[in-house]
């Protein structure tokens, strides 16, 4: 099972593109980790407008926090993270600097 929790800023990321982001996460994950897309879950957490700041300014940063099967080799993990970043920026129309992507092994999370 692969799980993503996407933390986004209200009024910065349109809810209308969320289905495209979910589809993109499932596609990229299926291609790189060789898992069926029905084994990928995605949920969104929205930070209310005015509650997220970075550098003293309203934040435009999104976070994509993934939990992936254990044993993923570092080059594969790096490819996954780069691909997610590129896909997200392309769909959301944001700079890659506005996105933080991480992926930890599921057995690490359960410890």
PDB file of N, CA and C in Angstrom:
ATOM      1  N   UNK A   1       0.840  -1.179   0.000  1.00  0.00           N
ATOM      2  CA  UNK A   1       0.000   0.000   0.000  1.00  0.00           C
ATOM      3  C   UNK A   1       0.884   1.241   0.000  1.00  0.00           C
ATOM      4  N   UNK A   2       0.526   2.216  -0.796  1.00  0.00           N
ATOM      5  CA  UNK A   2       1.207   3.505  -0.853  1.00  0.00           C
ATOM      6  C   UNK A   2       0.192   4.566  -0.473  1.00  0.00           C
ATOM      7  N   UNK A   3       0.582   5.424   0.443  1.00  0.00           N
ATOM      8  CA  UNK A   3      -0.314   6.483   0.906  1.00  0.00           C
ATOM      9  C   UNK A   3       0.361   7.838   0.763  1.00  0.00           C
ATOM     10  N   UNK A   4      -0.412   8.812   0.312  1.00  0.00           N
ATOM     11  CA  UNK A   4       0.074  10.185   0.223  1.00  0.00           C
ATOM     12  C   UNK A   4      -0.856  11.096   1.011  1.00  0.00           C
ATOM     13  N   UNK A   5      -0.276  11.970   1.797  1.00  0.00           N
ATOM     14  CA  UNK A   5      -1.008  13.039   2.453  1.00  0.00           C
ATOM     15  C   UNK A   5      -0.479  14.333   1.852  1.00  0.00           C
ATOM     16  N   UNK A   6      -1.346  15.050   1.185  1.00  0.00           N
ATOM     17  CA  UNK A   6      -0.979  16.291   0.510  1.00  0.00           C
ATOM     18  C   UNK A   6      -1.494  17.471   1.330  1.00  0.00           C
ATOM     19  N   UNK A   7      -0.580  18.290   1.792  1.00  0.00           N
ATOM     20  CA  UNK A   7      -0.926  19.463   2.592  1.00  0.00           C
ATOM     21  C   UNK A   7      -0.843  20.664   1.669  1.00  0.00           C
ATOM     22  N   UNK A   8      -1.971  21.343   1.494  1.00  0.00           N
ATOM     23  CA  UNK A   8      -2.045  22.451   0.538  1.00  0.00           C
ATOM     24  C   UNK A   8      -2.606  23.700   1.215  1.00  0.00           C
ATOM     25  N   UNK A   9      -2.263  24.834   0.627  1.00  0.00           N
ATOM     26  CA  UNK A   9      -2.719  26.124   1.142  1.00  0.00           C
ATOM     27  C   UNK A   9      -4.052  26.497   0.496  1.00  0.00           C
ATOM     28  N   UNK A  10      -5.047  26.814   1.332  1.00  0.00           N
ATOM     29  CA  UNK A  10      -6.342  27.262   0.819  1.00  0.00           C
ATOM     30  C   UNK A  10      -6.136  28.493  -0.061  1.00  0.00           C
ATOM     31  N   UNK A  11      -6.880  28.588  -1.112  1.00  0.00           N
ATOM     32  CA  UNK A  11      -6.853  29.695  -2.074  1.00  0.00           C
ATOM     33  C   UNK A  11      -5.607  29.698  -2.940  1.00  0.00           C
ATOM     34  N   UNK A  12      -4.711  28.735  -2.736  1.00  0.00           N
ATOM     35  CA  UNK A  12      -3.527  28.697  -3.593  1.00  0.00           C
ATOM     36  C   UNK A  12      -3.581  27.531  -4.573  1.00  0.00           C
ATOM     37  N   UNK A  13      -4.216  26.456  -4.173  1.00  0.00           N
ATOM     38  CA  UNK A  13      -4.320  25.287  -5.034  1.00  0.00           C
ATOM     39  C   UNK A  13      -5.798  24.980  -5.251  1.00  0.00           C
ATOM     40  N   UNK A  14      -6.251  25.125  -6.456  1.00  0.00           N
ATOM     41  CA  UNK A  14      -7.655  24.939  -6.788  1.00  0.00           C
ATOM     42  C   UNK A  14      -8.114  23.507  -6.513  1.00  0.00           C
ATOM     43  N   UNK A  15      -9.278  23.382  -5.897  1.00  0.00           N
ATOM     44  CA  UNK A  15      -9.848  22.047  -5.669  1.00  0.00           C
ATOM     45  C   UNK A  15     -10.176  21.358  -6.987  1.00  0.00           C
ATOM     46  N   UNK A  16     -10.368  22.138  -8.030  1.00  0.00           N
ATOM     47  CA  UNK A  16     -10.726  21.576  -9.333  1.00  0.00           C
ATOM     48  C   UNK A  16      -9.603  20.714  -9.917  1.00  0.00           C
ATOM     49  N   UNK A  17      -8.347  20.979  -9.541  1.00  0.00           N
ATOM     50  CA  UNK A  17      -7.246  20.188 -10.104  1.00  0.00           C
ATOM     51  C   UNK A  17      -6.865  18.991  -9.232  1.00  0.00           C
ATOM     52  N   UNK A  18      -7.493  18.860  -8.079  1.00  0.00           N
ATOM     53  CA  UNK A  18      -7.145  17.742  -7.185  1.00  0.00           C
ATOM     54  C   UNK A  18      -7.326  16.372  -7.842  1.00  0.00           C
ATOM     55  N   UNK A  19      -8.396  16.143  -8.596  1.00  0.00           N
ATOM     56  CA  UNK A  19      -8.512  14.832  -9.267  1.00  0.00           C
ATOM     57  C   UNK A  19      -7.343  14.564 -10.221  1.00  0.00           C
ATOM     58  N   UNK A  20      -6.860  15.592 -10.897  1.00  0.00           N
ATOM     59  CA  UNK A  20      -5.714  15.429 -11.790  1.00  0.00           C
ATOM     60  C   UNK A  20      -4.444  15.111 -10.993  1.00  0.00           C
ATOM     61  N   UNK A  21      -4.291  15.751  -9.829  1.00  0.00           N
ATOM     62  CA  UNK A  21      -3.136  15.473  -8.978  1.00  0.00           C
ATOM     63  C   UNK A  21      -3.188  14.041  -8.447  1.00  0.00           C
ATOM     64  N   UNK A  22      -4.376  13.594  -8.048  1.00  0.00           N
ATOM     65  CA  UNK A  22      -4.542  12.218  -7.568  1.00  0.00           C
ATOM     66  C   UNK A  22      -4.195  11.237  -8.690  1.00  0.00           C
ATOM     67  N   UNK A  23      -4.736  11.483  -9.877  1.00  0.00           N
ATOM     68  CA  UNK A  23      -4.453  10.604 -11.018  1.00  0.00           C
ATOM     69  C   UNK A  23      -2.959  10.601 -11.338  1.00  0.00           C
ATOM     70  N   UNK A  24      -2.328  11.766 -11.261  1.00  0.00           N
ATOM     71  CA  UNK A  24      -0.897  11.861 -11.528  1.00  0.00           C
ATOM     72  C   UNK A  24      -0.078  11.117 -10.495  1.00  0.00           C
ATOM     73  N   UNK A  25      -0.432  11.242  -9.225  1.00  0.00           N
ATOM     74  CA  UNK A  25       0.280  10.509  -8.174  1.00  0.00           C
ATOM     75  C   UNK A  25       0.140   9.005  -8.368  1.00  0.00           C
ATOM     76  N   UNK A  26      -1.057   8.564  -8.700  1.00  0.00           N
ATOM     77  CA  UNK A  26      -1.275   7.132  -8.924  1.00  0.00           C
ATOM     78  C   UNK A  26      -0.493   6.632 -10.129  1.00  0.00           C
ATOM     79  N   UNK A  27      -0.490   7.403 -11.202  1.00  0.00           N
ATOM     80  CA  UNK A  27       0.215   7.003 -12.426  1.00  0.00           C
ATOM     81  C   UNK A  27       1.722   6.917 -12.185  1.00  0.00           C
ATOM     82  N   UNK A  28       2.293   7.981 -11.620  1.00  0.00           N
ATOM     83  CA  UNK A  28       3.740   8.009 -11.380  1.00  0.00           C
ATOM     84  C   UNK A  28       4.150   6.880 -10.441  1.00  0.00           C
ATOM     85  N   UNK A  29       3.376   6.680  -9.385  1.00  0.00           N
ATOM     86  CA  UNK A  29       3.699   5.639  -8.414  1.00  0.00           C
ATOM     87  C   UNK A  29       3.609   4.256  -9.040  1.00  0.00           C
ATOM     88  N   UNK A  30       2.566   4.021  -9.824  1.00  0.00           N
ATOM     89  CA  UNK A  30       2.407   2.728 -10.492  1.00  0.00           C
ATOM     90  C   UNK A  30       3.564   2.460 -11.443  1.00  0.00           C
ATOM     91  N   UNK A  31       3.969   3.480 -12.198  1.00  0.00           N
ATOM     92  CA  UNK A  31       5.060   3.316 -13.157  1.00  0.00           C
ATOM     93  C   UNK A  31       6.392   3.026 -12.468  1.00  0.00           C
ATOM     94  N   UNK A  32       6.687   3.751 -11.404  1.00  0.00           N
ATOM     95  CA  UNK A  32       8.016   3.660 -10.802  1.00  0.00           C
ATOM     96  C   UNK A  32       8.122   2.542  -9.768  1.00  0.00           C
ATOM     97  N   UNK A  33       7.070   2.348  -8.976  1.00  0.00           N
ATOM     98  CA  UNK A  33       7.131   1.324  -7.930  1.00  0.00           C
ATOM     99  C   UNK A  33       6.468   0.017  -8.335  1.00  0.00           C
ATOM    100  N   UNK A  34       5.890  -0.024  -9.517  1.00  0.00           N
ATOM    101  CA  UNK A  34       5.225  -1.233 -10.027  1.00  0.00           C
ATOM    102  C   UNK A  34       4.140  -1.730  -9.080  1.00  0.00           C
ATOM    103  N   UNK A  35       3.303  -0.802  -8.619  1.00  0.00           N
ATOM    104  CA  UNK A  35       2.142  -1.166  -7.800  1.00  0.00           C
ATOM    105  C   UNK A  35       0.882  -0.782  -8.562  1.00  0.00           C
ATOM    106  N   UNK A  36      -0.178  -1.524  -8.346  1.00  0.00           N
ATOM    107  CA  UNK A  36      -1.453  -1.203  -8.980  1.00  0.00           C
ATOM    108  C   UNK A  36      -1.967   0.121  -8.438  1.00  0.00           C
ATOM    109  N   UNK A  37      -2.579   0.921  -9.299  1.00  0.00           N
ATOM    110  CA  UNK A  37      -3.026   2.242  -8.842  1.00  0.00           C
ATOM    111  C   UNK A  37      -4.118   2.168  -7.776  1.00  0.00           C
ATOM    112  N   UNK A  38      -4.805   1.020  -7.662  1.00  0.00           N
ATOM    113  CA  UNK A  38      -5.788   0.895  -6.586  1.00  0.00           C
ATOM    114  C   UNK A  38      -5.122   0.620  -5.235  1.00  0.00           C
ATOM    115  N   UNK A  39      -3.803   0.452  -5.245  1.00  0.00           N
ATOM    116  CA  UNK A  39      -3.043   0.302  -4.003  1.00  0.00           C
ATOM    117  C   UNK A  39      -2.468   1.640  -3.533  1.00  0.00           C
ATOM    118  N   UNK A  40      -2.863   2.721  -4.217  1.00  0.00           N
ATOM    119  CA  UNK A  40      -2.383   4.058  -3.883  1.00  0.00           C
ATOM    120  C   UNK A  40      -3.552   4.883  -3.369  1.00  0.00           C
ATOM    121  N   UNK A  41      -3.403   5.433  -2.159  1.00  0.00           N
ATOM    122  CA  UNK A  41      -4.439   6.313  -1.615  1.00  0.00           C
ATOM    123  C   UNK A  41      -3.861   7.716  -1.468  1.00  0.00           C
ATOM    124  N   UNK A  42      -4.716   8.692  -1.688  1.00  0.00           N
ATOM    125  CA  UNK A  42      -4.313  10.093  -1.616  1.00  0.00           C
ATOM    126  C   UNK A  42      -5.363  10.848  -0.813  1.00  0.00           C
ATOM    127  N   UNK A  43      -4.884  11.632   0.143  1.00  0.00           N
ATOM    128  CA  UNK A  43      -5.814  12.510   0.863  1.00  0.00           C
ATOM    129  C   UNK A  43      -5.194  13.900   0.936  1.00  0.00           C
ATOM    130  N   UNK A  44      -6.061  14.885   1.093  1.00  0.00           N
ATOM    131  CA  UNK A  44      -5.627  16.271   1.153  1.00  0.00           C
ATOM    132  C   UNK A  44      -5.951  16.859   2.514  1.00  0.00           C
ATOM    133  N   UNK A  45      -5.022  17.633   3.028  1.00  0.00           N
ATOM    134  CA  UNK A  45      -5.233  18.440   4.218  1.00  0.00           C
ATOM    135  C   UNK A  45      -5.054  19.889   3.780  1.00  0.00           C
ATOM    136  N   UNK A  46      -6.037  20.702   4.067  1.00  0.00           N
ATOM    137  CA  UNK A  46      -5.995  22.093   3.623  1.00  0.00           C
ATOM    138  C   UNK A  46      -5.679  23.020   4.794  1.00  0.00           C
ATOM    139  N   UNK A  47      -4.660  23.864   4.617  1.00  0.00           N
ATOM    140  CA  UNK A  47      -4.308  24.867   5.613  1.00  0.00           C
ATOM    141  C   UNK A  47      -5.168  26.098   5.338  1.00  0.00           C
ATOM    142  N   UNK A  48      -5.946  26.573   6.313  1.00  0.00           N
ATOM    143  CA  UNK A  48      -6.804  27.736   6.075  1.00  0.00           C
ATOM    144  C   UNK A  48      -5.994  28.969   5.653  1.00  0.00           C
ATOM    145  N   UNK A  49      -6.595  29.746   4.774  1.00  0.00           N
ATOM    146  CA  UNK A  49      -5.940  30.967   4.296  1.00  0.00           C
ATOM    147  C   UNK A  49      -5.559  31.854   5.487  1.00  0.00           C
ATOM    148  N   UNK A  50      -4.309  32.268   5.512  1.00  0.00           N
ATOM    149  CA  UNK A  50      -3.816  33.115   6.589  1.00  0.00           C
ATOM    150  C   UNK A  50      -3.186  32.354   7.735  1.00  0.00           C
ATOM    151  N   UNK A  51      -3.249  31.027   7.699  1.00  0.00           N
ATOM    152  CA  UNK A  51      -2.693  30.221   8.796  1.00  0.00           C
ATOM    153  C   UNK A  51      -1.341  29.614   8.443  1.00  0.00           C
ATOM    154  N   UNK A  52      -0.876  29.801   7.220  1.00  0.00           N
ATOM    155  CA  UNK A  52       0.411  29.258   6.806  1.00  0.00           C
ATOM    156  C   UNK A  52       1.315  30.341   6.266  1.00  0.00           C
ATOM    157  N   UNK A  53       2.462  30.498   6.892  1.00  0.00           N
ATOM    158  CA  UNK A  53       3.431  31.520   6.483  1.00  0.00           C
ATOM    159  C   UNK A  53       4.796  30.883   6.279  1.00  0.00           C
ATOM    160  N   UNK A  54       5.574  31.474   5.380  1.00  0.00           N
ATOM    161  CA  UNK A  54       6.965  31.086   5.167  1.00  0.00           C
ATOM    162  C   UNK A  54       7.738  32.367   4.862  1.00  0.00           C
ATOM    163  N   UNK A  55       8.771  32.612   5.639  1.00  0.00           N
ATOM    164  CA  UNK A  55       9.572  33.810   5.433  1.00  0.00           C
ATOM    165  C   UNK A  55       8.788  35.087   5.657  1.00  0.00           C
ATOM    166  N   UNK A  56       7.801  35.044   6.556  1.00  0.00           N
ATOM    167  CA  UNK A  56       7.012  36.238   6.865  1.00  0.00           C
ATOM    168  C   UNK A  56       5.938  36.572   5.855  1.00  0.00           C
ATOM    169  N   UNK A  57       5.747  35.711   4.840  1.00  0.00           N
ATOM    170  CA  UNK A  57       4.728  35.929   3.814  1.00  0.00           C
ATOM    171  C   UNK A  57       3.801  34.719   3.777  1.00  0.00           C
ATOM    172  N   UNK A  58       2.578  34.949   3.291  1.00  0.00           N
ATOM    173  CA  UNK A  58       1.656  33.826   3.128  1.00  0.00           C
ATOM    174  C   UNK A  58       2.337  32.719   2.330  1.00  0.00           C
ATOM    175  N   UNK A  59       2.232  31.510   2.823  1.00  0.00           N
ATOM    176  CA  UNK A  59       2.881  30.383   2.168  1.00  0.00           C
ATOM    177  C   UNK A  59       2.114  29.954   0.925  1.00  0.00           C
ATOM    178  N   UNK A  60       2.864  29.584  -0.091  1.00  0.00           N
ATOM    179  CA  UNK A  60       2.296  28.987  -1.298  1.00  0.00           C
ATOM    180  C   UNK A  60       2.790  27.548  -1.442  1.00  0.00           C
ATOM    181  N   UNK A  61       3.448  27.062  -0.400  1.00  0.00           N
ATOM    182  CA  UNK A  61       4.074  25.740  -0.441  1.00  0.00           C
ATOM    183  C   UNK A  61       3.061  24.619  -0.203  1.00  0.00           C
ATOM    184  N   UNK A  62       3.190  23.575  -0.994  1.00  0.00           N
ATOM    185  CA  UNK A  62       2.433  22.345  -0.788  1.00  0.00           C
ATOM    186  C   UNK A  62       3.418  21.266  -0.343  1.00  0.00           C
ATOM    187  N   UNK A  63       2.918  20.334   0.456  1.00  0.00           N
ATOM    188  CA  UNK A  63       3.709  19.198   0.908  1.00  0.00           C
ATOM    189  C   UNK A  63       3.051  17.930   0.409  1.00  0.00           C
ATOM    190  N   UNK A  64       3.846  17.020  -0.120  1.00  0.00           N
ATOM    191  CA  UNK A  64       3.362  15.701  -0.507  1.00  0.00           C
ATOM    192  C   UNK A  64       4.173  14.710   0.303  1.00  0.00           C
ATOM    193  N   UNK A  65       3.519  14.120   1.301  1.00  0.00           N
ATOM    194  CA  UNK A  65       4.198  13.182   2.198  1.00  0.00           C
ATOM    195  C   UNK A  65       3.726  11.779   1.871  1.00  0.00           C
ATOM    196  N   UNK A  66       4.663  10.961   1.402  1.00  0.00           N
ATOM    197  CA  UNK A  66       4.319   9.609   0.997  1.00  0.00           C
ATOM    198  C   UNK A  66       4.838   8.559   1.950  1.00  0.00           C
ATOM    199  N   UNK A  67       4.097   7.463   2.032  1.00  0.00           N
ATOM    200  CA  UNK A  67       4.509   6.259   2.750  1.00  0.00           C
ATOM    201  C   UNK A  67       4.503   5.144   1.719  1.00  0.00           C
ATOM    202  N   UNK A  68       5.681   4.550   1.490  1.00  0.00           N
ATOM    203  CA  UNK A  68       5.831   3.562   0.432  1.00  0.00           C
ATOM    204  C   UNK A  68       6.265   2.219   1.018  1.00  0.00           C
ATOM    205  N   UNK A  69       6.153   1.140   0.232  1.00  0.00           N
ATOM    206  CA  UNK A  69       6.581  -0.170   0.739  1.00  0.00           C
ATOM    207  C   UNK A  69       8.065  -0.152   1.115  1.00  0.00           C
ATOM    208  N   UNK A  70       8.426  -0.912   2.147  1.00  0.00           N
ATOM    209  CA  UNK A  70       9.828  -0.948   2.563  1.00  0.00           C
ATOM    210  C   UNK A  70      10.726  -1.578   1.499  1.00  0.00           C
ATOM    211  N   UNK A  71      12.002  -1.194   1.552  1.00  0.00           N
ATOM    212  CA  UNK A  71      12.983  -1.794   0.663  1.00  0.00           C
ATOM    213  C   UNK A  71      13.205  -1.055  -0.645  1.00  0.00           C
ATOM    214  N   UNK A  72      12.647   0.117  -0.784  1.00  0.00           N
ATOM    215  CA  UNK A  72      12.835   0.896  -2.004  1.00  0.00           C
ATOM    216  C   UNK A  72      14.277   1.408  -2.047  1.00  0.00           C
ATOM    217  N   UNK A  73      15.000   1.073  -3.083  1.00  0.00           N
ATOM    218  CA  UNK A  73      16.382   1.503  -3.204  1.00  0.00           C
ATOM    219  C   UNK A  73      16.456   3.003  -3.480  1.00  0.00           C
ATOM    220  N   UNK A  74      17.520   3.631  -3.030  1.00  0.00           N
ATOM    221  CA  UNK A  74      17.647   5.084  -3.100  1.00  0.00           C
ATOM    222  C   UNK A  74      17.487   5.655  -4.513  1.00  0.00           C
ATOM    223  N   UNK A  75      18.094   5.081  -5.558  1.00  0.00           N
ATOM    224  CA  UNK A  75      17.884   5.648  -6.899  1.00  0.00           C
ATOM    225  C   UNK A  75      16.410   5.614  -7.334  1.00  0.00           C
ATOM    226  N   UNK A  76      15.691   4.557  -6.953  1.00  0.00           N
ATOM    227  CA  UNK A  76      14.265   4.455  -7.290  1.00  0.00           C
ATOM    228  C   UNK A  76      13.478   5.516  -6.515  1.00  0.00           C
ATOM    229  N   UNK A  77      13.783   5.675  -5.232  1.00  0.00           N
ATOM    230  CA  UNK A  77      13.113   6.685  -4.398  1.00  0.00           C
ATOM    231  C   UNK A  77      13.354   8.084  -4.980  1.00  0.00           C
ATOM    232  N   UNK A  78      14.587   8.374  -5.361  1.00  0.00           N
ATOM    233  CA  UNK A  78      14.906   9.689  -5.924  1.00  0.00           C
ATOM    234  C   UNK A  78      14.144   9.923  -7.229  1.00  0.00           C
ATOM    235  N   UNK A  79      14.048   8.902  -8.073  1.00  0.00           N
ATOM    236  CA  UNK A  79      13.285   9.010  -9.309  1.00  0.00           C
ATOM    237  C   UNK A  79      11.810   9.278  -9.014  1.00  0.00           C
ATOM    238  N   UNK A  80      11.262   8.576  -8.033  1.00  0.00           N
ATOM    239  CA  UNK A  80       9.869   8.782  -7.638  1.00  0.00           C
ATOM    240  C   UNK A  80       9.652  10.217  -7.187  1.00  0.00           C
ATOM    241  N   UNK A  81      10.509  10.719  -6.316  1.00  0.00           N
ATOM    242  CA  UNK A  81      10.345  12.064  -5.772  1.00  0.00           C
ATOM    243  C   UNK A  81      10.483  13.128  -6.865  1.00  0.00           C
ATOM    244  N   UNK A  82      11.465  12.975  -7.740  1.00  0.00           N
ATOM    245  CA  UNK A  82      11.631  13.925  -8.848  1.00  0.00           C
ATOM    246  C   UNK A  82      10.415  13.897  -9.770  1.00  0.00           C
ATOM    247  N   UNK A  83       9.927  12.702 -10.063  1.00  0.00           N
ATOM    248  CA  UNK A  83       8.781  12.566 -10.970  1.00  0.00           C
ATOM    249  C   UNK A  83       7.519  13.171 -10.373  1.00  0.00           C
ATOM    250  N   UNK A  84       7.307  12.972  -9.066  1.00  0.00           N
ATOM    251  CA  UNK A  84       6.148  13.579  -8.405  1.00  0.00           C
ATOM    252  C   UNK A  84       6.254  15.093  -8.458  1.00  0.00           C
ATOM    253  N   UNK A  85       7.426  15.610  -8.173  1.00  0.00           N
ATOM    254  CA  UNK A  85       7.630  17.057  -8.176  1.00  0.00           C
ATOM    255  C   UNK A  85       7.333  17.643  -9.558  1.00  0.00           C
ATOM    256  N   UNK A  86       7.853  17.026 -10.582  1.00  0.00           N
ATOM    257  CA  UNK A  86       7.644  17.502 -11.947  1.00  0.00           C
ATOM    258  C   UNK A  86       6.171  17.420 -12.349  1.00  0.00           C
ATOM    259  N   UNK A  87       5.529  16.285 -12.035  1.00  0.00           N
ATOM    260  CA  UNK A  87       4.115  16.101 -12.363  1.00  0.00           C
ATOM    261  C   UNK A  87       3.267  17.156 -11.663  1.00  0.00           C
ATOM    262  N   UNK A  88       3.496  17.346 -10.350  1.00  0.00           N
ATOM    263  CA  UNK A  88       2.701  18.284  -9.549  1.00  0.00           C
ATOM    264  C   UNK A  88       2.861  19.706 -10.087  1.00  0.00           C
ATOM    265  N   UNK A  89       4.099  20.114 -10.336  1.00  0.00           N
ATOM    266  CA  UNK A  89       4.351  21.470 -10.837  1.00  0.00           C
ATOM    267  C   UNK A  89       3.668  21.676 -12.187  1.00  0.00           C
ATOM    268  N   UNK A  90       3.690  20.658 -13.030  1.00  0.00           N
ATOM    269  CA  UNK A  90       3.046  20.769 -14.335  1.00  0.00           C
ATOM    270  C   UNK A  90       1.536  20.930 -14.239  1.00  0.00           C
ATOM    271  N   UNK A  91       0.916  20.197 -13.336  1.00  0.00           N
ATOM    272  CA  UNK A  91      -0.539  20.274 -13.183  1.00  0.00           C
ATOM    273  C   UNK A  91      -0.945  21.530 -12.416  1.00  0.00           C
ATOM    274  N   UNK A  92      -0.244  21.820 -11.324  1.00  0.00           N
ATOM    275  CA  UNK A  92      -0.622  22.945 -10.461  1.00  0.00           C
ATOM    276  C   UNK A  92      -0.148  24.287 -11.002  1.00  0.00           C
ATOM    277  N   UNK A  93       0.801  24.264 -11.931  1.00  0.00           N
ATOM    278  CA  UNK A  93       1.314  25.520 -12.471  1.00  0.00           C
ATOM    279  C   UNK A  93       2.171  26.278 -11.474  1.00  0.00           C
ATOM    280  N   UNK A  94       2.775  25.552 -10.549  1.00  0.00           N
ATOM    281  CA  UNK A  94       3.619  26.192  -9.539  1.00  0.00           C
ATOM    282  C   UNK A  94       5.088  25.947  -9.859  1.00  0.00           C
ATOM    283  N   UNK A  95       5.942  26.667  -9.156  1.00  0.00           N
ATOM    284  CA  UNK A  95       7.374  26.403  -9.255  1.00  0.00           C
ATOM    285  C   UNK A  95       7.697  25.177  -8.414  1.00  0.00           C
ATOM    286  N   UNK A  96       8.723  24.444  -8.810  1.00  0.00           N
ATOM    287  CA  UNK A  96       9.126  23.287  -8.015  1.00  0.00           C
ATOM    288  C   UNK A  96       9.590  23.709  -6.629  1.00  0.00           C
ATOM    289  N   UNK A  97       9.997  24.986  -6.477  1.00  0.00           N
ATOM    290  CA  UNK A  97      10.400  25.512  -5.166  1.00  0.00           C
ATOM    291  C   UNK A  97       9.219  25.617  -4.200  1.00  0.00           C
ATOM    292  N   UNK A  98       8.006  25.527  -4.714  1.00  0.00           N
ATOM    293  CA  UNK A  98       6.808  25.643  -3.881  1.00  0.00           C
ATOM    294  C   UNK A  98       6.288  24.276  -3.436  1.00  0.00           C
ATOM    295  N   UNK A  99       7.117  23.261  -3.564  1.00  0.00           N
ATOM    296  CA  UNK A  99       6.682  21.910  -3.258  1.00  0.00           C
ATOM    297  C   UNK A  99       7.758  21.169  -2.480  1.00  0.00           C
ATOM    298  N   UNK A 100       7.337  20.476  -1.421  1.00  0.00           N
ATOM    299  CA  UNK A 100       8.216  19.593  -0.664  1.00  0.00           C
ATOM    300  C   UNK A 100       7.627  18.192  -0.790  1.00  0.00           C
ATOM    301  N   UNK A 101       8.428  17.245  -1.288  1.00  0.00           N
ATOM    302  CA  UNK A 101       7.969  15.871  -1.486  1.00  0.00           C
ATOM    303  C   UNK A 101       8.855  14.949  -0.663  1.00  0.00           C
ATOM    304  N   UNK A 102       8.229  14.034   0.070  1.00  0.00           N
ATOM    305  CA  UNK A 102       8.986  13.047   0.835  1.00  0.00           C
ATOM    306  C   UNK A 102       8.312  11.688   0.700  1.00  0.00           C
ATOM    307  N   UNK A 103       9.115  10.633   0.913  1.00  0.00           N
ATOM    308  CA  UNK A 103       8.579   9.273   0.874  1.00  0.00           C
ATOM    309  C   UNK A 103       9.385   8.434   1.877  1.00  0.00           C
ATOM    310  N   UNK A 104       8.698   7.959   2.893  1.00  0.00           N
ATOM    311  CA  UNK A 104       9.341   7.099   3.899  1.00  0.00           C
ATOM    312  C   UNK A 104       8.777   5.689   3.768  1.00  0.00           C
ATOM    313  N   UNK A 105       9.572   4.718   4.192  1.00  0.00           N
ATOM    314  CA  UNK A 105       9.119   3.331   4.167  1.00  0.00           C
ATOM    315  C   UNK A 105       8.010   3.130   5.192  1.00  0.00           C
ATOM    316  N   UNK A 106       7.024   2.329   4.827  1.00  0.00           N
ATOM    317  CA  UNK A 106       5.881   2.097   5.719  1.00  0.00           C
ATOM    318  C   UNK A 106       6.304   1.444   7.015  1.00  0.00           C
ATOM    319  N   UNK A 107       7.346   0.629   7.012  1.00  0.00           N
ATOM    320  CA  UNK A 107       7.777   0.017   8.263  1.00  0.00           C
ATOM    321  C   UNK A 107       8.465   1.033   9.177  1.00  0.00           C
ATOM    322  N   UNK A 108       8.988   2.108   8.624  1.00  0.00           N
ATOM    323  CA  UNK A 108       9.589   3.179   9.430  1.00  0.00           C
ATOM    324  C   UNK A 108       8.488   3.948  10.176  1.00  0.00           C
ATOM    325  N   UNK A 109       7.374   4.177   9.488  1.00  0.00           N
ATOM    326  CA  UNK A 109       6.254   4.919  10.080  1.00  0.00           C
ATOM    327  C   UNK A 109       5.649   4.169  11.247  1.00  0.00           C
ATOM    328  N   UNK A 110       5.598   2.852  11.144  1.00  0.00           N
ATOM    329  CA  UNK A 110       4.931   2.065  12.183  1.00  0.00           C
ATOM    330  C   UNK A 110       5.780   1.867  13.434  1.00  0.00           C
ATOM    331  N   UNK A 111       7.039   2.287  13.402  1.00  0.00           N
ATOM    332  CA  UNK A 111       7.915   2.124  14.567  1.00  0.00           C
ATOM    333  C   UNK A 111       7.614   3.141  15.633  1.00  0.00           C
TER     334      UNK A 111
END
